[in-house]
Structure formats: structure tokens, C-alpha cells
Amino acid sequence: MIEVEEDTLTKRIEEIKKHARFTSRTNFEER
């Protein structure tokens, strides 16, 4: 159970990092 939760959390963190990177890139291009 715990391992599955950690794996899901890790994947969610990776998605957040990619989304944050994409957002930062878009904001940088807009400026």
C-alpha cells in the first residue's frame, strides 16, 4: 500500500515539475 502511494506521489511530482517548467517557459516567452 505505502509503496503504491509513494509511486503515485512520485509520478504526480514529475507531472507537476513538467507542468511548472512548461508554464515558466511560456511566461518567459510572453515577457
PDB file of N, CA and C in Angstrom:
ATOM      1  N   MET A   1       0.844  -1.199   0.000  1.00  0.00           N
ATOM      2  CA  MET A   1       0.000   0.000   0.000  1.00  0.00           C
ATOM      3  C   MET A   1       0.888   1.261   0.000  1.00  0.00           C
ATOM      4  N   ILE A   2       1.822   1.321   0.951  1.00  0.00           N
ATOM      5  CA  ILE A   2       2.653   2.525   1.046  1.00  0.00           C
ATOM      6  C   ILE A   2       3.470   2.690  -0.239  1.00  0.00           C
ATOM      7  N   GLU A   3       4.010   1.585  -0.748  1.00  0.00           N
ATOM      8  CA  GLU A   3       4.836   1.696  -1.950  1.00  0.00           C
ATOM      9  C   GLU A   3       4.019   2.246  -3.118  1.00  0.00           C
ATOM     10  N   VAL A   4       2.786   1.796  -3.222  1.00  0.00           N
ATOM     11  CA  VAL A   4       1.948   2.274  -4.321  1.00  0.00           C
ATOM     12  C   VAL A   4       1.696   3.769  -4.160  1.00  0.00           C
ATOM     13  N   GLU A   5       1.438   4.196  -2.935  1.00  0.00           N
ATOM     14  CA  GLU A   5       1.190   5.621  -2.701  1.00  0.00           C
ATOM     15  C   GLU A   5       2.423   6.437  -3.053  1.00  0.00           C
ATOM     16  N   GLU A   6       3.602   5.944  -2.673  1.00  0.00           N
ATOM     17  CA  GLU A   6       4.826   6.681  -2.978  1.00  0.00           C
ATOM     18  C   GLU A   6       5.028   6.760  -4.488  1.00  0.00           C
ATOM     19  N   ASP A   7       4.759   5.659  -5.186  1.00  0.00           N
ATOM     20  CA  ASP A   7       4.946   5.655  -6.631  1.00  0.00           C
ATOM     21  C   ASP A   7       3.995   6.659  -7.277  1.00  0.00           C
ATOM     22  N   THR A   8       2.751   6.686  -6.819  1.00  0.00           N
ATOM     23  CA  THR A   8       1.790   7.635  -7.379  1.00  0.00           C
ATOM     24  C   THR A   8       2.216   9.058  -7.068  1.00  0.00           C
ATOM     25  N   LEU A   9       2.684   9.294  -5.860  1.00  0.00           N
ATOM     26  CA  LEU A   9       3.123  10.633  -5.477  1.00  0.00           C
ATOM     27  C   LEU A   9       4.320  11.052  -6.326  1.00  0.00           C
ATOM     28  N   THR A  10       5.246  10.129  -6.562  1.00  0.00           N
ATOM     29  CA  THR A  10       6.408  10.453  -7.374  1.00  0.00           C
ATOM     30  C   THR A  10       5.985  10.838  -8.783  1.00  0.00           C
ATOM     31  N   LYS A  11       5.070  10.049  -9.367  1.00  0.00           N
ATOM     32  CA  LYS A  11       4.603  10.374 -10.718  1.00  0.00           C
ATOM     33  C   LYS A  11       3.918  11.737 -10.732  1.00  0.00           C
ATOM     34  N   ARG A  12       3.120  12.016  -9.695  1.00  0.00           N
ATOM     35  CA  ARG A  12       2.432  13.310  -9.633  1.00  0.00           C
ATOM     36  C   ARG A  12       3.441  14.446  -9.540  1.00  0.00           C
ATOM     37  N   ILE A  13       4.511  14.238  -8.760  1.00  0.00           N
ATOM     38  CA  ILE A  13       5.538  15.283  -8.623  1.00  0.00           C
ATOM     39  C   ILE A  13       6.201  15.513  -9.977  1.00  0.00           C
ATOM     40  N   GLU A  14       6.510  14.437 -10.701  1.00  0.00           N
ATOM     41  CA  GLU A  14       7.131  14.588 -12.017  1.00  0.00           C
ATOM     42  C   GLU A  14       6.218  15.376 -12.937  1.00  0.00           C
ATOM     43  N   GLU A  15       4.906  15.078 -12.904  1.00  0.00           N
ATOM     44  CA  GLU A  15       3.971  15.807 -13.766  1.00  0.00           C
ATOM     45  C   GLU A  15       3.934  17.279 -13.380  1.00  0.00           C
ATOM     46  N   ILE A  16       3.963  17.545 -12.075  1.00  0.00           N
ATOM     47  CA  ILE A  16       3.947  18.939 -11.617  1.00  0.00           C
ATOM     48  C   ILE A  16       5.219  19.650 -12.084  1.00  0.00           C
ATOM     49  N   LYS A  17       6.351  18.984 -11.995  1.00  0.00           N
ATOM     50  CA  LYS A  17       7.605  19.608 -12.441  1.00  0.00           C
ATOM     51  C   LYS A  17       7.526  19.925 -13.928  1.00  0.00           C
ATOM     52  N   LYS A  18       7.037  18.981 -14.730  1.00  0.00           N
ATOM     53  CA  LYS A  18       6.935  19.232 -16.171  1.00  0.00           C
ATOM     54  C   LYS A  18       5.985  20.389 -16.434  1.00  0.00           C
ATOM     55  N   HIS A  19       4.849  20.401 -15.723  1.00  0.00           N
ATOM     56  CA  HIS A  19       3.870  21.471 -15.920  1.00  0.00           C
ATOM     57  C   HIS A  19       4.474  22.811 -15.497  1.00  0.00           C
ATOM     58  N   ALA A  20       5.173  22.817 -14.370  1.00  0.00           N
ATOM     59  CA  ALA A  20       5.780  24.061 -13.888  1.00  0.00           C
ATOM     60  C   ALA A  20       6.835  24.537 -14.888  1.00  0.00           C
ATOM     61  N   ARG A  21       7.617  23.622 -15.418  1.00  0.00           N
ATOM     62  CA  ARG A  21       8.651  24.000 -16.386  1.00  0.00           C
ATOM     63  C   ARG A  21       7.997  24.571 -17.640  1.00  0.00           C
ATOM     64  N   PHE A  22       6.922  23.933 -18.102  1.00  0.00           N
ATOM     65  CA  PHE A  22       6.225  24.409 -19.289  1.00  0.00           C
ATOM     66  C   PHE A  22       5.643  25.793 -19.022  1.00  0.00           C
ATOM     67  N   THR A  23       5.060  25.993 -17.840  1.00  0.00           N
ATOM     68  CA  THR A  23       4.467  27.294 -17.504  1.00  0.00           C
ATOM     69  C   THR A  23       5.551  28.358 -17.433  1.00  0.00           C
ATOM     70  N   SER A  24       6.679  28.037 -16.803  1.00  0.00           N
ATOM     71  CA  SER A  24       7.764  29.018 -16.693  1.00  0.00           C
ATOM     72  C   SER A  24       8.254  29.389 -18.097  1.00  0.00           C
ATOM     73  N   ARG A  25       8.368  28.422 -18.980  1.00  0.00           N
ATOM     74  CA  ARG A  25       8.834  28.694 -20.335  1.00  0.00           C
ATOM     75  C   ARG A  25       7.840  29.604 -21.049  1.00  0.00           C
ATOM     76  N   THR A  26       6.555  29.338 -20.883  1.00  0.00           N
ATOM     77  CA  THR A  26       5.540  30.165 -21.543  1.00  0.00           C
ATOM     78  C   THR A  26       5.597  31.588 -20.998  1.00  0.00           C
ATOM     79  N   ASN A  27       5.689  31.721 -19.692  1.00  0.00           N
ATOM     80  CA  ASN A  27       5.750  33.063 -19.095  1.00  0.00           C
ATOM     81  C   ASN A  27       7.001  33.791 -19.584  1.00  0.00           C
ATOM     82  N   PHE A  28       8.098  33.093 -19.683  1.00  0.00           N
ATOM     83  CA  PHE A  28       9.345  33.716 -20.133  1.00  0.00           C
ATOM     84  C   PHE A  28       9.192  34.197 -21.581  1.00  0.00           C
ATOM     85  N   GLU A  29       8.547  33.390 -22.429  1.00  0.00           N
ATOM     86  CA  GLU A  29       8.364  33.792 -23.821  1.00  0.00           C
ATOM     87  C   GLU A  29       7.426  34.998 -23.916  1.00  0.00           C
ATOM     88  N   GLU A  30       6.397  35.032 -23.049  1.00  0.00           N
ATOM     89  CA  GLU A  30       5.460  36.161 -23.088  1.00  0.00           C
ATOM     90  C   GLU A  30       6.184  37.452 -22.724  1.00  0.00           C
ATOM     91  N   ARG A  31       7.114  37.399 -21.767  1.00  0.00           N
ATOM     92  CA  ARG A  31       7.864  38.597 -21.401  1.00  0.00           C
ATOM     93  C   ARG A  31       8.816  38.952 -22.540  1.00  0.00           C
TER      94      ARG A  31
END
